[in-house]
C-alpha atoms as a PDB file:
ATOM      1  CA  UNK A   1     -37.686  15.904 -22.840  1.00  0.00           C
ATOM      2  CA  UNK A   2     -37.588  17.251 -26.612  1.00  0.00           C
ATOM      3  CA  UNK A   3     -34.576  17.700 -28.720  1.00  0.00           C
ATOM      4  CA  UNK A   4     -33.512  19.447 -31.830  1.00  0.00           C
ATOM      5  CA  UNK A   5     -31.769  16.435 -33.345  1.00  0.00           C
ATOM      6  CA  UNK A   6     -32.537  12.992 -33.541  1.00  0.00           C
ATOM      7  CA  UNK A   7     -30.121  10.501 -34.052  1.00  0.00           C
ATOM      8  CA  UNK A   8     -30.738   7.735 -36.750  1.00  0.00           C
ATOM      9  CA  UNK A   9     -27.772   5.374 -35.834  1.00  0.00           C
ATOM     10  CA  UNK A  10     -25.433   5.067 -32.828  1.00  0.00           C
ATOM     11  CA  UNK A  11     -22.509   2.782 -32.841  1.00  0.00           C
ATOM     12  CA  UNK A  12     -19.553   2.455 -30.567  1.00  0.00           C
ATOM     13  CA  UNK A  13     -16.325   1.357 -32.245  1.00  0.00           C
ATOM     14  CA  UNK A  14     -14.909  -0.481 -29.513  1.00  0.00           C
ATOM     15  CA  UNK A  15     -11.277  -0.927 -30.886  1.00  0.00           C
ATOM     16  CA  UNK A  16     -10.934   2.663 -32.333  1.00  0.00           C
ATOM     17  CA  UNK A  17     -13.005   3.934 -29.232  1.00  0.00           C
ATOM     18  CA  UNK A  18     -14.932   6.090 -31.169  1.00  0.00           C
ATOM     19  CA  UNK A  19     -18.611   6.892 -30.682  1.00  0.00           C
ATOM     20  CA  UNK A  20     -20.356   7.388 -34.212  1.00  0.00           C
ATOM     21  CA  UNK A  21     -23.480   9.080 -34.340  1.00  0.00           C
ATOM     22  CA  UNK A  22     -25.487   9.929 -37.302  1.00  0.00           C
ATOM     23  CA  UNK A  23     -28.227  12.333 -37.449  1.00  0.00           C
ATOM     24  CA  UNK A  24     -31.373  12.742 -39.386  1.00  0.00           C
ATOM     25  CA  UNK A  25     -30.248  15.767 -40.877  1.00  0.00           C
ATOM     26  CA  UNK A  26     -27.564  13.914 -42.820  1.00  0.00           C
ATOM     27  CA  UNK A  27     -24.764  14.992 -40.200  1.00  0.00           C
ATOM     28  CA  UNK A  28     -22.583  12.197 -38.935  1.00  0.00           C
ATOM     29  CA  UNK A  29     -19.735  12.161 -36.092  1.00  0.00           C
ATOM     30  CA  UNK A  30     -17.000  10.147 -34.860  1.00  0.00           C
ATOM     31  CA  UNK A  31     -16.380  11.159 -30.835  1.00  0.00           C
ATOM     32  CA  UNK A  32     -13.306  10.153 -29.400  1.00  0.00           C
ATOM     33  CA  UNK A  33     -13.628   8.566 -25.968  1.00  0.00           C
ATOM     34  CA  UNK A  34     -11.460  10.817 -24.399  1.00  0.00           C
ATOM     35  CA  UNK A  35     -13.077  13.833 -26.052  1.00  0.00           C
ATOM     36  CA  UNK A  36     -16.545  12.477 -24.377  1.00  0.00           C
ATOM     37  CA  UNK A  37     -14.682  11.857 -21.056  1.00  0.00           C
ATOM     38  CA  UNK A  38     -13.215  15.386 -21.012  1.00  0.00           C
ATOM     39  CA  UNK A  39     -16.195  16.782 -22.265  1.00  0.00           C
ATOM     40  CA  UNK A  40     -18.773  15.461 -20.019  1.00  0.00           C
ATOM     41  CA  UNK A  41     -20.939  17.576 -18.034  1.00  0.00           C
ATOM     42  CA  UNK A  42     -21.629  16.688 -14.627  1.00  0.00           C
ATOM     43  CA  UNK A  43     -21.338  18.652 -11.108  1.00  0.00           C
ATOM     44  CA  UNK A  44     -18.083  17.187 -10.185  1.00  0.00           C
ATOM     45  CA  UNK A  45     -16.428  18.447 -13.619  1.00  0.00           C
ATOM     46  CA  UNK A  46     -18.205  21.888 -13.722  1.00  0.00           C
ATOM     47  CA  UNK A  47     -16.956  22.605 -10.192  1.00  0.00           C
ATOM     48  CA  UNK A  48     -13.771  21.741 -10.967  1.00  0.00           C
ATOM     49  CA  UNK A  49     -10.787  24.706 -11.207  1.00  0.00           C
ATOM     50  CA  UNK A  50      -9.027  22.756 -13.991  1.00  0.00           C
ATOM     51  CA  UNK A  51      -9.767  20.523 -17.079  1.00  0.00           C
ATOM     52  CA  UNK A  52      -9.854  16.923 -16.813  1.00  0.00           C
ATOM     53  CA  UNK A  53      -6.714  15.222 -17.879  1.00  0.00           C
ATOM     54  CA  UNK A  54      -4.524  12.269 -18.259  1.00  0.00           C
ATOM     55  CA  UNK A  55      -7.487  10.529 -20.319  1.00  0.00           C
ATOM     56  CA  UNK A  56      -5.692   9.645 -23.510  1.00  0.00           C
ATOM     57  CA  UNK A  57      -6.108   5.796 -22.863  1.00  0.00           C
ATOM     58  CA  UNK A  58      -9.793   6.121 -21.413  1.00  0.00           C
ATOM     59  CA  UNK A  59     -12.210   3.710 -22.843  1.00  0.00           C
ATOM     60  CA  UNK A  60     -15.773   3.799 -23.128  1.00  0.00           C
ATOM     61  CA  UNK A  61     -17.374   0.776 -22.023  1.00  0.00           C
ATOM     62  CA  UNK A  62     -21.251   1.029 -21.770  1.00  0.00           C
ATOM     63  CA  UNK A  63     -24.072   3.161 -23.394  1.00  0.00           C
ATOM     64  CA  UNK A  64     -27.102   3.197 -21.215  1.00  0.00           C
ATOM     65  CA  UNK A  65     -30.367   4.929 -22.816  1.00  0.00           C
ATOM     66  CA  UNK A  66     -32.017   7.421 -20.636  1.00  0.00           C
ATOM     67  CA  UNK A  67     -35.506   7.590 -21.974  1.00  0.00           C
ATOM     68  CA  UNK A  68     -35.383   8.639 -25.865  1.00  0.00           C
ATOM     69  CA  UNK A  69     -33.564  11.885 -25.237  1.00  0.00           C
ATOM     70  CA  UNK A  70     -30.020  10.837 -23.737  1.00  0.00           C
ATOM     71  CA  UNK A  71     -27.260   8.214 -23.226  1.00  0.00           C
ATOM     72  CA  UNK A  72     -25.292   7.667 -19.896  1.00  0.00           C
ATOM     73  CA  UNK A  73     -21.730   6.866 -20.776  1.00  0.00           C
ATOM     74  CA  UNK A  74     -19.665   4.443 -18.564  1.00  0.00           C
ATOM     75  CA  UNK A  75     -15.999   4.942 -19.133  1.00  0.00           C
ATOM     76  CA  UNK A  76     -13.457   2.345 -17.524  1.00  0.00           C
ATOM     77  CA  UNK A  77     -11.826   4.719 -15.174  1.00  0.00           C
ATOM     78  CA  UNK A  78     -14.997   4.734 -13.367  1.00  0.00           C
ATOM     79  CA  UNK A  79     -16.954   7.876 -14.424  1.00  0.00           C
ATOM     80  CA  UNK A  80     -20.285   7.120 -15.022  1.00  0.00           C
ATOM     81  CA  UNK A  81     -21.971  10.540 -14.181  1.00  0.00           C
ATOM     82  CA  UNK A  82     -22.216  11.940 -17.551  1.00  0.00           C
ATOM     83  CA  UNK A  83     -25.944  12.309 -19.177  1.00  0.00           C
ATOM     84  CA  UNK A  84     -25.525  13.275 -22.920  1.00  0.00           C
ATOM     85  CA  UNK A  85     -28.589  14.574 -24.572  1.00  0.00           C
ATOM     86  CA  UNK A  86     -28.791  14.101 -28.470  1.00  0.00           C
ATOM     87  CA  UNK A  87     -28.335  18.117 -28.896  1.00  0.00           C
ATOM     88  CA  UNK A  88     -25.308  17.628 -26.546  1.00  0.00           C
ATOM     89  CA  UNK A  89     -23.950  15.259 -28.822  1.00  0.00           C
ATOM     90  CA  UNK A  90     -24.966  16.952 -31.803  1.00  0.00           C
ATOM     91  CA  UNK A  91     -23.272  20.453 -30.397  1.00  0.00           C
ATOM     92  CA  UNK A  92     -20.023  18.358 -29.457  1.00  0.00           C
ATOM     93  CA  UNK A  93     -19.671  16.797 -32.854  1.00  0.00           C
ATOM     94  CA  UNK A  94     -20.598  20.080 -34.822  1.00  0.00           C
ATOM     95  CA  UNK A  95     -17.929  22.279 -32.414  1.00  0.00           C
ATOM     96  CA  UNK A  96     -15.398  19.570 -32.046  1.00  0.00           C
ATOM     97  CA  UNK A  97     -12.510  21.164 -33.397  1.00  0.00           C
ATOM     98  CA  UNK A  98     -12.646  24.344 -31.796  1.00  0.00           C
ATOM     99  CA  UNK A  99     -13.397  22.441 -28.172  1.00  0.00           C
ATOM    100  CA  UNK A 100     -10.699  20.232 -28.656  1.00  0.00           C
ATOM    101  CA  UNK A 101      -8.309  23.295 -29.448  1.00  0.00           C
ATOM    102  CA  UNK A 102      -9.384  25.246 -26.391  1.00  0.00           C
ATOM    103  CA  UNK A 103      -9.230  22.040 -24.403  1.00  0.00           C
ATOM    104  CA  UNK A 104      -5.300  21.437 -25.255  1.00  0.00           C
ATOM    105  CA  UNK A 105      -4.786  25.390 -24.512  1.00  0.00           C
ATOM    106  CA  UNK A 106      -6.398  24.840 -20.899  1.00  0.00           C
ATOM    107  CA  UNK A 107      -4.037  21.876 -20.584  1.00  0.00           C
ATOM    108  CA  UNK A 108      -1.189  23.637 -21.301  1.00  0.00           C
ATOM    109  CA  UNK A 109      -2.222  26.450 -19.320  1.00  0.00           C
ATOM    110  CA  UNK A 110      -2.307  24.507 -15.789  1.00  0.00           C
ATOM    111  CA  UNK A 111       0.600  22.313 -16.809  1.00  0.00           C
ATOM    112  CA  UNK A 112      -1.534  19.126 -17.572  1.00  0.00           C
ATOM    113  CA  UNK A 113      -0.890  16.461 -20.212  1.00  0.00           C
ATOM    114  CA  UNK A 114      -3.622  13.948 -21.861  1.00  0.00           C
ATOM    115  CA  UNK A 115      -1.222  11.118 -20.933  1.00  0.00           C
ATOM    116  CA  UNK A 116      -0.937   9.337 -17.242  1.00  0.00           C
ATOM    117  CA  UNK A 117       3.006   9.672 -16.345  1.00  0.00           C
ATOM    118  CA  UNK A 118       2.896   5.570 -16.142  1.00  0.00           C
ATOM    119  CA  UNK A 119       0.910   5.049 -19.237  1.00  0.00           C
ATOM    120  CA  UNK A 120       1.642   1.182 -20.392  1.00  0.00           C
ATOM    121  CA  UNK A 121       1.415   2.417 -24.183  1.00  0.00           C
ATOM    122  CA  UNK A 122       4.116   4.768 -24.114  1.00  0.00           C
ATOM    123  CA  UNK A 123       7.331   3.992 -26.529  1.00  0.00           C
ATOM    124  CA  UNK A 124       7.282   1.223 -29.011  1.00  0.00           C
ATOM    125  CA  UNK A 125       4.288  -1.279 -30.203  1.00  0.00           C
ATOM    126  CA  UNK A 126       5.121  -4.348 -32.050  1.00  0.00           C
ATOM    127  CA  UNK A 127       2.415  -5.540 -34.279  1.00  0.00           C
ATOM    128  CA  UNK A 128       2.382  -8.445 -36.651  1.00  0.00           C
ATOM    129  CA  UNK A 129       1.493  -7.573 -40.344  1.00  0.00           C
ATOM    130  CA  UNK A 130       0.233 -10.319 -42.549  1.00  0.00           C
ATOM    131  CA  UNK A 131       0.047  -9.939 -46.584  1.00  0.00           C
ATOM    132  CA  UNK A 132      -2.514 -11.995 -48.655  1.00  0.00           C
ATOM    133  CA  UNK A 133      -2.704 -12.459 -52.352  1.00  0.00           C
ATOM    134  CA  UNK A 134      -0.042 -13.059 -54.565  1.00  0.00           C
ATOM    135  CA  UNK A 135       0.145  -9.348 -56.456  1.00  0.00           C
ATOM    136  CA  UNK A 136       0.545  -7.979 -52.847  1.00  0.00           C
ATOM    137  CA  UNK A 137       3.184 -10.720 -51.829  1.00  0.00           C
ATOM    138  CA  UNK A 138       5.058  -9.541 -55.214  1.00  0.00           C
ATOM    139  CA  UNK A 139       5.374  -6.371 -53.829  1.00  0.00           C
ATOM    140  CA  UNK A 140       6.105  -7.088 -49.805  1.00  0.00           C
ATOM    141  CA  UNK A 141       8.250 -10.323 -50.607  1.00  0.00           C
ATOM    142  CA  UNK A 142       7.130 -11.856 -47.408  1.00  0.00           C
ATOM    143  CA  UNK A 143       3.481 -13.020 -45.951  1.00  0.00           C
ATOM    144  CA  UNK A 144       4.496 -11.882 -42.527  1.00  0.00           C
ATOM    145  CA  UNK A 145       6.300  -9.190 -40.600  1.00  0.00           C
ATOM    146  CA  UNK A 146       6.924  -8.051 -37.188  1.00  0.00           C
ATOM    147  CA  UNK A 147       6.948  -4.091 -37.218  1.00  0.00           C
ATOM    148  CA  UNK A 148       7.825  -1.916 -34.296  1.00  0.00           C
ATOM    149  CA  UNK A 149       5.927   1.135 -34.283  1.00  0.00           C
ATOM    150  CA  UNK A 150       6.852   4.502 -32.878  1.00  0.00           C
ATOM    151  CA  UNK A 151       4.426   6.247 -30.317  1.00  0.00           C
ATOM    152  CA  UNK A 152       3.271   8.416 -33.224  1.00  0.00           C
ATOM    153  CA  UNK A 153       2.012   5.830 -35.282  1.00  0.00           C
ATOM    154  CA  UNK A 154      -1.105   4.347 -33.277  1.00  0.00           C
ATOM    155  CA  UNK A 155      -3.865   4.139 -36.068  1.00  0.00           C
ATOM    156  CA  UNK A 156      -4.369   2.395 -39.214  1.00  0.00           C
ATOM    157  CA  UNK A 157      -4.291   5.619 -41.110  1.00  0.00           C
ATOM    158  CA  UNK A 158      -0.982   6.561 -39.946  1.00  0.00           C
ATOM    159  CA  UNK A 159       0.552   2.743 -40.650  1.00  0.00           C
ATOM    160  CA  UNK A 160      -0.732   2.659 -44.269  1.00  0.00           C
ATOM    161  CA  UNK A 161       1.131   6.119 -44.695  1.00  0.00           C
ATOM    162  CA  UNK A 162       4.190   4.321 -43.275  1.00  0.00           C
ATOM    163  CA  UNK A 163       3.993   1.370 -45.271  1.00  0.00           C
ATOM    164  CA  UNK A 164       3.936   3.603 -48.523  1.00  0.00           C
ATOM    165  CA  UNK A 165       6.968   5.483 -47.618  1.00  0.00           C
ATOM    166  CA  UNK A 166       8.946   2.045 -48.490  1.00  0.00           C
ATOM    167  CA  UNK A 167       8.632   2.834 -52.484  1.00  0.00           C
ATOM    168  CA  UNK A 168       6.363   3.416 -55.351  1.00  0.00           C
ATOM    169  CA  UNK A 169       5.033  -0.252 -55.351  1.00  0.00           C
ATOM    170  CA  UNK A 170       4.342   0.240 -51.766  1.00  0.00           C
ATOM    171  CA  UNK A 171       2.331   3.562 -52.210  1.00  0.00           C
ATOM    172  CA  UNK A 172       0.372   1.873 -55.238  1.00  0.00           C
ATOM    173  CA  UNK A 173      -0.404  -1.201 -52.999  1.00  0.00           C
ATOM    174  CA  UNK A 174      -1.241   0.509 -49.563  1.00  0.00           C
ATOM    175  CA  UNK A 175      -3.234   3.279 -50.763  1.00  0.00           C
ATOM    176  CA  UNK A 176      -6.224   4.011 -48.653  1.00  0.00           C
ATOM    177  CA  UNK A 177      -8.647   2.630 -51.248  1.00  0.00           C
ATOM    178  CA  UNK A 178      -6.735  -0.033 -52.370  1.00  0.00           C
ATOM    179  CA  UNK A 179      -6.377  -2.506 -49.644  1.00  0.00           C
ATOM    180  CA  UNK A 180      -8.760  -3.776 -46.939  1.00  0.00           C
ATOM    181  CA  UNK A 181      -7.471  -4.026 -43.499  1.00  0.00           C
ATOM    182  CA  UNK A 182      -8.344  -6.344 -40.453  1.00  0.00           C
ATOM    183  CA  UNK A 183      -7.036  -5.723 -36.859  1.00  0.00           C
ATOM    184  CA  UNK A 184      -7.114  -8.946 -34.673  1.00  0.00           C
ATOM    185  CA  UNK A 185      -9.492 -10.624 -37.553  1.00  0.00           C
ATOM    186  CA  UNK A 186     -12.009  -7.745 -37.061  1.00  0.00           C
ATOM    187  CA  UNK A 187     -12.813  -5.246 -40.121  1.00  0.00           C
ATOM    188  CA  UNK A 188     -10.738  -1.847 -39.479  1.00  0.00           C
ATOM    189  CA  UNK A 189     -11.312   1.842 -40.210  1.00  0.00           C
ATOM    190  CA  UNK A 190      -8.682   4.138 -41.129  1.00  0.00           C
ATOM    191  CA  UNK A 191      -9.368   5.886 -37.443  1.00  0.00           C
ATOM    192  CA  UNK A 192      -8.889   1.981 -36.208  1.00  0.00           C
ATOM    193  CA  UNK A 193      -6.550   2.336 -32.997  1.00  0.00           C
ATOM    194  CA  UNK A 194      -3.501   0.053 -33.129  1.00  0.00           C
ATOM    195  CA  UNK A 195      -2.237  -1.377 -29.402  1.00  0.00           C
ATOM    196  CA  UNK A 196       1.175  -3.787 -28.736  1.00  0.00           C
ATOM    197  CA  UNK A 197       0.689  -7.232 -30.054  1.00  0.00           C
ATOM    198  CA  UNK A 198      -2.208  -6.300 -32.557  1.00  0.00           C
ATOM    199  CA  UNK A 199      -2.312  -8.529 -35.705  1.00  0.00           C
ATOM    200  CA  UNK A 200      -3.224  -6.513 -38.990  1.00  0.00           C
ATOM    201  CA  UNK A 201      -3.831  -8.124 -42.341  1.00  0.00           C
ATOM    202  CA  UNK A 202      -4.061  -6.536 -45.635  1.00  0.00           C
ATOM    203  CA  UNK A 203      -5.970  -7.680 -48.574  1.00  0.00           C
ATOM    204  CA  UNK A 204      -6.201  -6.191 -52.100  1.00  0.00           C
ATOM    205  CA  UNK A 205      -9.481  -4.678 -53.025  1.00  0.00           C
ATOM    206  CA  UNK A 206      -8.609  -4.878 -56.919  1.00  0.00           C
ATOM    207  CA  UNK A 207      -6.948  -7.225 -59.176  1.00  0.00           C
ATOM    208  CA  UNK A 208      -5.661  -4.443 -61.333  1.00  0.00           C
ATOM    209  CA  UNK A 209      -3.416  -3.303 -58.631  1.00  0.00           C
END
């Protein structure tokens, strides 16, 4: 089966639950597991009257190559019927904003929600922050800190924004390009998700900060 688009790199970010795909034409897309699950193409989904809902916490567990033209995706809710061609991935990445906006309209239309009613991650998540290097400790005045996060703050980018609200020195020290962040001892991206009991460490990337 031929494809208009050829991927050059495919990487599943397990912590962030983003499937990152780079293509030969230079395009790079980071597709959330929830988006892939709710926009998968299969007979059961296409025959349904309502959109797939309650998948905000779904996880993509396995990628299974289908020849040299597609991937079969396995999700932790048991769904494994979706086969995504390279062209499908490309279109999902290209049209992400439009597709996602339309999906949320459909959820509202049918009175559905992205989260399950008994979702364990609702409410407060408590994480441990660890600060390194003398110049950072001058600002934080502590090596570690237990921090309770509201439900609206669930990734590294939002955490950094929260820390920068503590003052001018914090704004400078915790700028996106001023610190290296790890979550549970693994290098993290701005989009890396945060969960209860995570350990987040910060190391300044410049001695001039």
